[in-house]
Amino acid sequence: MGFADGYTDAVSTSIAQSCDGALAHQIWIGMLGTYIIGVVILQWCICGLLVQRDSSQACLLKLLHMDALAACITIPKEVKWIWVLVNVARTVGEDVPQCCLQMVFVLKVKRNYFMILSIIVSFGSSIKAIVDAISRSSVASGAYAKLVADEQACADDQEASSVVNGNWRVVEAQGVHGRSQILTFRMLMAFHVPTRFEVWSAHDTLCRTAS
């Protein structure tokens, strides 16, 4: 969407420049000035220098409109503000002014369908930039879910291990005579992380042996 937005803005400026009339002339001058200030100076120069502080390069990829790739990279929390700044600069410096000027052209000068398409693209790009600035987590897309799943799996493994240790204390306190089965079970547990079903199944087997 970012590349489409830049292309439609450039073509819209050319369309406005080709039209006669004082208003059309003022509009294309405004479009060109907005592009120079909002894109070249604000995004390419100022934000281009600031994104060098981001060691993950996610902000640089966002600046280059590589949104899908940038979403797959975890951003250090100390440079999250640069990510927000890039999105705000794109919205305030480019999308909103271009969208307003193009709407004036369509309403006051000429109803051009390519210009209408450019308005839609600019509006969509602006909304996406705002959403990215507000909702983007520092953790990469998909990585947070994996982190939660890994933590849950680790907690389950620790709980299963504590259950196994507790079962050994109960079985040994009951004076189980099947020491060979206990030794075999311990050897197996040394090479395998049990599930809850396996732990309780082994416990039932040992209890039956005790009885």
C-alpha atoms as a PDB file:
ATOM      1  CA  MET A   1       0.000   0.000   0.000  1.00  0.00           C
ATOM      2  CA  GLY A   2       2.878   2.363   0.729  1.00  0.00           C
ATOM      3  CA  PHE A   3       4.308   2.082  -2.796  1.00  0.00           C
ATOM      4  CA  ALA A   4       0.829   2.486  -4.301  1.00  0.00           C
ATOM      5  CA  ASP A   5       0.290   5.586  -2.169  1.00  0.00           C
ATOM      6  CA  GLY A   6       3.520   7.174  -3.346  1.00  0.00           C
ATOM      7  CA  TYR A   7       2.786   6.362  -6.983  1.00  0.00           C
ATOM      8  CA  THR A   8      -0.777   7.702  -6.915  1.00  0.00           C
ATOM      9  CA  ASP A   9       0.360  10.904  -5.159  1.00  0.00           C
ATOM     10  CA  ALA A  10       3.016  11.525  -7.827  1.00  0.00           C
ATOM     11  CA  VAL A  11       0.571  10.893 -10.688  1.00  0.00           C
ATOM     12  CA  SER A  12      -2.072  13.073  -9.013  1.00  0.00           C
ATOM     13  CA  THR A  13       0.417  15.939  -8.831  1.00  0.00           C
ATOM     14  CA  SER A  14       1.104  15.525 -12.539  1.00  0.00           C
ATOM     15  CA  ILE A  15      -2.621  15.484 -13.316  1.00  0.00           C
ATOM     16  CA  ALA A  16      -3.241  18.674 -11.348  1.00  0.00           C
ATOM     17  CA  GLN A  17      -0.263  20.365 -13.021  1.00  0.00           C
ATOM     18  CA  SER A  18      -1.665  19.576 -16.472  1.00  0.00           C
ATOM     19  CA  CYS A  19      -4.975  21.356 -15.759  1.00  0.00           C
ATOM     20  CA  ASP A  20      -5.595  25.023 -16.465  1.00  0.00           C
ATOM     21  CA  GLY A  21      -6.857  27.452 -13.880  1.00  0.00           C
ATOM     22  CA  ALA A  22      -5.510  29.264 -10.859  1.00  0.00           C
ATOM     23  CA  LEU A  23      -6.961  26.797  -8.360  1.00  0.00           C
ATOM     24  CA  ALA A  24      -5.488  23.792 -10.162  1.00  0.00           C
ATOM     25  CA  HIS A  25      -2.121  25.551 -10.224  1.00  0.00           C
ATOM     26  CA  GLN A  26      -2.269  26.219  -6.479  1.00  0.00           C
ATOM     27  CA  ILE A  27      -3.280  22.620  -5.795  1.00  0.00           C
ATOM     28  CA  TRP A  28      -0.412  21.049  -7.713  1.00  0.00           C
ATOM     29  CA  ILE A  29       2.063  23.449  -6.100  1.00  0.00           C
ATOM     30  CA  GLY A  30       0.669  22.401  -2.716  1.00  0.00           C
ATOM     31  CA  MET A  31       0.925  18.708  -3.635  1.00  0.00           C
ATOM     32  CA  LEU A  32       4.523  19.132  -4.729  1.00  0.00           C
ATOM     33  CA  GLY A  33       5.409  21.125  -1.597  1.00  0.00           C
ATOM     34  CA  THR A  34       3.737  18.541   0.627  1.00  0.00           C
ATOM     35  CA  TYR A  35       5.665  15.748  -1.066  1.00  0.00           C
ATOM     36  CA  ILE A  36       8.985  17.565  -0.658  1.00  0.00           C
ATOM     37  CA  ILE A  37       8.401  18.523   2.976  1.00  0.00           C
ATOM     38  CA  GLY A  38       6.460  15.478   4.173  1.00  0.00           C
ATOM     39  CA  VAL A  39       8.305  12.759   2.271  1.00  0.00           C
ATOM     40  CA  VAL A  40      11.758  13.932   1.243  1.00  0.00           C
ATOM     41  CA  ILE A  41      12.620  16.080   4.276  1.00  0.00           C
ATOM     42  CA  LEU A  42      10.524  14.628   7.108  1.00  0.00           C
ATOM     43  CA  GLN A  43      10.620  10.924   6.227  1.00  0.00           C
ATOM     44  CA  TRP A  44      13.715  10.357   4.105  1.00  0.00           C
ATOM     45  CA  CYS A  45      16.033  12.836   5.850  1.00  0.00           C
ATOM     46  CA  ILE A  46      14.906  13.230   9.483  1.00  0.00           C
ATOM     47  CA  CYS A  47      13.370   9.801  10.042  1.00  0.00           C
ATOM     48  CA  GLY A  48      16.067   8.269   7.860  1.00  0.00           C
ATOM     49  CA  LEU A  49      18.688   9.478  10.320  1.00  0.00           C
ATOM     50  CA  LEU A  50      16.735   8.446  13.400  1.00  0.00           C
ATOM     51  CA  VAL A  51      16.088   4.882  12.240  1.00  0.00           C
ATOM     52  CA  GLN A  52      19.844   4.273  12.324  1.00  0.00           C
ATOM     53  CA  ARG A  53      19.494   4.026  16.113  1.00  0.00           C
ATOM     54  CA  ASP A  54      17.325   0.946  15.722  1.00  0.00           C
ATOM     55  CA  SER A  55      19.629  -2.081  15.739  1.00  0.00           C
ATOM     56  CA  SER A  56      16.790  -4.375  14.620  1.00  0.00           C
ATOM     57  CA  GLN A  57      16.290  -2.374  11.382  1.00  0.00           C
ATOM     58  CA  ALA A  58      12.498  -2.766  11.744  1.00  0.00           C
ATOM     59  CA  CYS A  59      11.967   1.002  11.649  1.00  0.00           C
ATOM     60  CA  LEU A  60      14.075   1.270   8.490  1.00  0.00           C
ATOM     61  CA  LEU A  61      11.998  -1.436   6.820  1.00  0.00           C
ATOM     62  CA  LYS A  62       8.823   0.409   7.839  1.00  0.00           C
ATOM     63  CA  LEU A  63      10.242   3.599   6.346  1.00  0.00           C
ATOM     64  CA  LEU A  64      10.887   1.697   3.087  1.00  0.00           C
ATOM     65  CA  HIS A  65       7.256   0.450   3.086  1.00  0.00           C
ATOM     66  CA  MET A  66       8.292  -3.145   3.818  1.00  0.00           C
ATOM     67  CA  ASP A  67       5.549  -3.495   6.420  1.00  0.00           C
ATOM     68  CA  ALA A  68       5.160  -7.284   6.288  1.00  0.00           C
ATOM     69  CA  LEU A  69       8.873  -7.839   6.897  1.00  0.00           C
ATOM     70  CA  ALA A  70       9.022  -5.168   9.616  1.00  0.00           C
ATOM     71  CA  ALA A  71       6.180  -6.889  11.485  1.00  0.00           C
ATOM     72  CA  CYS A  72       8.301 -10.051  11.769  1.00  0.00           C
ATOM     73  CA  ILE A  73      11.093  -8.278  13.678  1.00  0.00           C
ATOM     74  CA  THR A  74      11.145  -7.543  17.400  1.00  0.00           C
ATOM     75  CA  ILE A  75      11.758  -3.848  18.122  1.00  0.00           C
ATOM     76  CA  PRO A  76      13.860  -2.898  21.162  1.00  0.00           C
ATOM     77  CA  LYS A  77      11.641  -1.068  23.639  1.00  0.00           C
ATOM     78  CA  GLU A  78      14.042   1.855  23.936  1.00  0.00           C
ATOM     79  CA  VAL A  79      13.558   2.736  20.223  1.00  0.00           C
ATOM     80  CA  LYS A  80       9.824   2.028  19.989  1.00  0.00           C
ATOM     81  CA  TRP A  81       9.257   5.781  19.828  1.00  0.00           C
ATOM     82  CA  ILE A  82      11.053   5.873  16.466  1.00  0.00           C
ATOM     83  CA  TRP A  83       8.532   3.372  15.091  1.00  0.00           C
ATOM     84  CA  VAL A  84       5.712   5.634  16.271  1.00  0.00           C
ATOM     85  CA  LEU A  85       7.437   8.709  14.811  1.00  0.00           C
ATOM     86  CA  VAL A  86       7.775   7.091  11.371  1.00  0.00           C
ATOM     87  CA  ASN A  87       4.060   6.305  11.297  1.00  0.00           C
ATOM     88  CA  VAL A  88       3.069   9.758  12.553  1.00  0.00           C
ATOM     89  CA  ALA A  89       5.349  11.443   9.995  1.00  0.00           C
ATOM     90  CA  ARG A  90       3.763   9.433   7.187  1.00  0.00           C
ATOM     91  CA  THR A  91       0.248  10.275   8.345  1.00  0.00           C
ATOM     92  CA  VAL A  92       0.665  13.951   9.208  1.00  0.00           C
ATOM     93  CA  GLY A  93       3.319  14.887   6.675  1.00  0.00           C
ATOM     94  CA  GLU A  94       2.105  12.972   3.625  1.00  0.00           C
ATOM     95  CA  ASP A  95      -1.225  11.152   3.699  1.00  0.00           C
ATOM     96  CA  VAL A  96      -3.538  13.715   5.295  1.00  0.00           C
ATOM     97  CA  PRO A  97      -2.330  16.798   3.320  1.00  0.00           C
ATOM     98  CA  GLN A  98      -2.298  14.894   0.022  1.00  0.00           C
ATOM     99  CA  CYS A  99      -5.752  13.489   0.679  1.00  0.00           C
ATOM    100  CA  CYS A 100      -7.158  16.947   1.465  1.00  0.00           C
ATOM    101  CA  LEU A 101      -5.634  18.586  -1.620  1.00  0.00           C
ATOM    102  CA  GLN A 102      -6.851  15.803  -3.874  1.00  0.00           C
ATOM    103  CA  MET A 103     -10.373  16.083  -2.464  1.00  0.00           C
ATOM    104  CA  VAL A 104     -10.359  19.809  -3.206  1.00  0.00           C
ATOM    105  CA  PHE A 105      -9.237  19.079  -6.770  1.00  0.00           C
ATOM    106  CA  VAL A 106     -12.004  16.498  -7.309  1.00  0.00           C
ATOM    107  CA  LEU A 107     -14.706  18.754  -5.838  1.00  0.00           C
ATOM    108  CA  LYS A 108     -13.623  22.117  -7.274  1.00  0.00           C
ATOM    109  CA  VAL A 109     -11.622  21.457 -10.436  1.00  0.00           C
ATOM    110  CA  LYS A 110     -12.342  18.147 -12.136  1.00  0.00           C
ATOM    111  CA  ARG A 111     -13.754  14.754 -11.190  1.00  0.00           C
ATOM    112  CA  ASN A 112     -10.827  12.549 -12.070  1.00  0.00           C
ATOM    113  CA  TYR A 113     -11.218   8.852 -11.260  1.00  0.00           C
ATOM    114  CA  PHE A 114      -7.503   8.270 -10.770  1.00  0.00           C
ATOM    115  CA  MET A 115      -7.498  11.122  -8.272  1.00  0.00           C
ATOM    116  CA  ILE A 116     -10.426   9.481  -6.449  1.00  0.00           C
ATOM    117  CA  LEU A 117      -8.417   6.248  -6.329  1.00  0.00           C
ATOM    118  CA  SER A 118      -5.485   8.193  -4.895  1.00  0.00           C
ATOM    119  CA  ILE A 119      -7.749   9.627  -2.175  1.00  0.00           C
ATOM    120  CA  ILE A 120      -8.891   6.129  -1.206  1.00  0.00           C
ATOM    121  CA  VAL A 121      -5.308   4.835  -1.121  1.00  0.00           C
ATOM    122  CA  SER A 122      -4.112   7.833   0.914  1.00  0.00           C
ATOM    123  CA  PHE A 123      -6.944   7.413   3.399  1.00  0.00           C
ATOM    124  CA  GLY A 124      -6.274   3.674   3.746  1.00  0.00           C
ATOM    125  CA  SER A 125      -2.549   4.247   4.170  1.00  0.00           C
ATOM    126  CA  SER A 126      -3.238   6.875   6.834  1.00  0.00           C
ATOM    127  CA  ILE A 127      -5.503   4.543   8.814  1.00  0.00           C
ATOM    128  CA  LYS A 128      -2.958   1.723   8.599  1.00  0.00           C
ATOM    129  CA  ALA A 129      -0.158   3.998   9.822  1.00  0.00           C
ATOM    130  CA  ILE A 130      -2.254   5.074  12.821  1.00  0.00           C
ATOM    131  CA  VAL A 131      -3.127   1.472  13.681  1.00  0.00           C
ATOM    132  CA  ASP A 132       0.544   0.428  13.383  1.00  0.00           C
ATOM    133  CA  ALA A 133       1.641   3.290  15.628  1.00  0.00           C
ATOM    134  CA  ILE A 134      -0.912   2.461  18.337  1.00  0.00           C
ATOM    135  CA  SER A 135      -1.223  -1.311  18.322  1.00  0.00           C
ATOM    136  CA  ARG A 136       2.235  -2.544  17.274  1.00  0.00           C
ATOM    137  CA  SER A 137       3.885  -4.508  20.074  1.00  0.00           C
ATOM    138  CA  SER A 138       7.649  -4.489  20.545  1.00  0.00           C
ATOM    139  CA  VAL A 139       7.618  -8.256  20.078  1.00  0.00           C
ATOM    140  CA  ALA A 140       7.506  -9.486  16.488  1.00  0.00           C
ATOM    141  CA  SER A 141       4.249 -10.691  15.027  1.00  0.00           C
ATOM    142  CA  GLY A 142       3.759 -14.357  15.936  1.00  0.00           C
ATOM    143  CA  ALA A 143       6.664 -14.327  18.371  1.00  0.00           C
ATOM    144  CA  TYR A 144       4.524 -13.291  21.331  1.00  0.00           C
ATOM    145  CA  ALA A 145       2.170 -16.230  20.862  1.00  0.00           C
ATOM    146  CA  LYS A 146       5.156 -18.563  20.616  1.00  0.00           C
ATOM    147  CA  LEU A 147       6.654 -17.021  23.764  1.00  0.00           C
ATOM    148  CA  VAL A 148       3.423 -17.589  25.704  1.00  0.00           C
ATOM    149  CA  ALA A 149       3.194 -21.166  24.422  1.00  0.00           C
ATOM    150  CA  ASP A 150       6.818 -21.866  25.398  1.00  0.00           C
ATOM    151  CA  GLU A 151       6.279 -20.445  28.885  1.00  0.00           C
ATOM    152  CA  GLN A 152       3.137 -22.531  29.322  1.00  0.00           C
ATOM    153  CA  ALA A 153       4.954 -25.674  28.145  1.00  0.00           C
ATOM    154  CA  CYS A 154       7.796 -24.959  30.582  1.00  0.00           C
ATOM    155  CA  ALA A 155       5.296 -24.502  33.432  1.00  0.00           C
ATOM    156  CA  ASP A 156       3.574 -27.779  32.515  1.00  0.00           C
ATOM    157  CA  ASP A 157       6.913 -29.609  32.466  1.00  0.00           C
ATOM    158  CA  GLN A 158       7.810 -28.242  35.898  1.00  0.00           C
ATOM    159  CA  GLU A 159       4.400 -29.217  37.266  1.00  0.00           C
ATOM    160  CA  ALA A 160       4.742 -32.728  35.827  1.00  0.00           C
ATOM    161  CA  SER A 161       8.217 -33.083  37.345  1.00  0.00           C
ATOM    162  CA  SER A 162       6.933 -31.984  40.757  1.00  0.00           C
ATOM    163  CA  VAL A 163       4.112 -34.535  40.510  1.00  0.00           C
ATOM    164  CA  VAL A 164       6.629 -37.283  39.689  1.00  0.00           C
ATOM    165  CA  ASN A 165       8.837 -36.337  42.645  1.00  0.00           C
ATOM    166  CA  GLY A 166       5.817 -36.281  44.952  1.00  0.00           C
ATOM    167  CA  ASN A 167       4.695 -39.676  43.698  1.00  0.00           C
ATOM    168  CA  TRP A 168       8.135 -41.172  44.463  1.00  0.00           C
ATOM    169  CA  ARG A 169       7.931 -39.931  48.037  1.00  0.00           C
ATOM    170  CA  VAL A 170       4.437 -41.385  48.478  1.00  0.00           C
ATOM    171  CA  VAL A 171       5.329 -44.752  46.938  1.00  0.00           C
ATOM    172  CA  GLU A 172       8.531 -45.133  48.913  1.00  0.00           C
ATOM    173  CA  ALA A 173       6.737 -44.145  52.138  1.00  0.00           C
ATOM    174  CA  GLN A 174       4.236 -46.960  51.541  1.00  0.00           C
ATOM    175  CA  GLY A 175       7.067 -49.480  51.423  1.00  0.00           C
ATOM    176  CA  VAL A 176       6.672 -50.714  47.854  1.00  0.00           C
ATOM    177  CA  HIS A 177       8.563 -53.963  47.302  1.00  0.00           C
ATOM    178  CA  GLY A 178       8.784 -53.669  43.528  1.00  0.00           C
ATOM    179  CA  ARG A 179      12.116 -51.827  43.570  1.00  0.00           C
ATOM    180  CA  SER A 180      13.071 -53.117  40.125  1.00  0.00           C
ATOM    181  CA  GLN A 181      10.007 -51.462  38.574  1.00  0.00           C
ATOM    182  CA  ILE A 182      10.784 -48.217  40.352  1.00  0.00           C
ATOM    183  CA  LEU A 183      14.379 -48.286  39.094  1.00  0.00           C
ATOM    184  CA  THR A 184      13.210 -48.992  35.535  1.00  0.00           C
ATOM    185  CA  PHE A 185      10.672 -46.179  35.720  1.00  0.00           C
ATOM    186  CA  ARG A 186      13.322 -43.750  36.981  1.00  0.00           C
ATOM    187  CA  MET A 187      15.676 -44.689  34.145  1.00  0.00           C
ATOM    188  CA  LEU A 188      12.925 -44.051  31.609  1.00  0.00           C
ATOM    189  CA  MET A 189      12.059 -40.693  33.193  1.00  0.00           C
ATOM    190  CA  ALA A 190      15.691 -39.601  32.892  1.00  0.00           C
ATOM    191  CA  PHE A 191      15.343 -39.615  29.098  1.00  0.00           C
ATOM    192  CA  HIS A 192      11.730 -38.516  28.721  1.00  0.00           C
ATOM    193  CA  VAL A 193       9.684 -35.519  29.874  1.00  0.00           C
ATOM    194  CA  PRO A 194       6.329 -37.016  30.930  1.00  0.00           C
ATOM    195  CA  THR A 195       2.900 -35.765  30.102  1.00  0.00           C
ATOM    196  CA  ARG A 196       0.258 -35.586  32.818  1.00  0.00           C
ATOM    197  CA  PHE A 197      -1.404 -38.739  31.456  1.00  0.00           C
ATOM    198  CA  GLU A 198       1.889 -40.643  31.592  1.00  0.00           C
ATOM    199  CA  VAL A 199       2.580 -39.487  35.154  1.00  0.00           C
ATOM    200  CA  TRP A 200      -0.773 -40.598  36.502  1.00  0.00           C
ATOM    201  CA  SER A 201      -0.631 -43.876  34.554  1.00  0.00           C
ATOM    202  CA  ALA A 202       2.762 -44.660  36.104  1.00  0.00           C
ATOM    203  CA  HIS A 203       1.428 -43.710  39.532  1.00  0.00           C
ATOM    204  CA  ASP A 204      -1.516 -46.096  39.160  1.00  0.00           C
ATOM    205  CA  THR A 205       0.841 -48.892  38.089  1.00  0.00           C
ATOM    206  CA  LEU A 206       3.072 -48.383  41.113  1.00  0.00           C
ATOM    207  CA  CYS A 207       0.105 -48.248  43.453  1.00  0.00           C
ATOM    208  CA  ARG A 208      -1.240 -51.520  42.080  1.00  0.00           C
ATOM    209  CA  THR A 209       2.216 -53.050  42.595  1.00  0.00           C
ATOM    210  CA  ALA A 210       2.168 -51.840  46.202  1.00  0.00           C
ATOM    211  CA  SER A 211      -1.187 -53.452  46.832  1.00  0.00           C
END
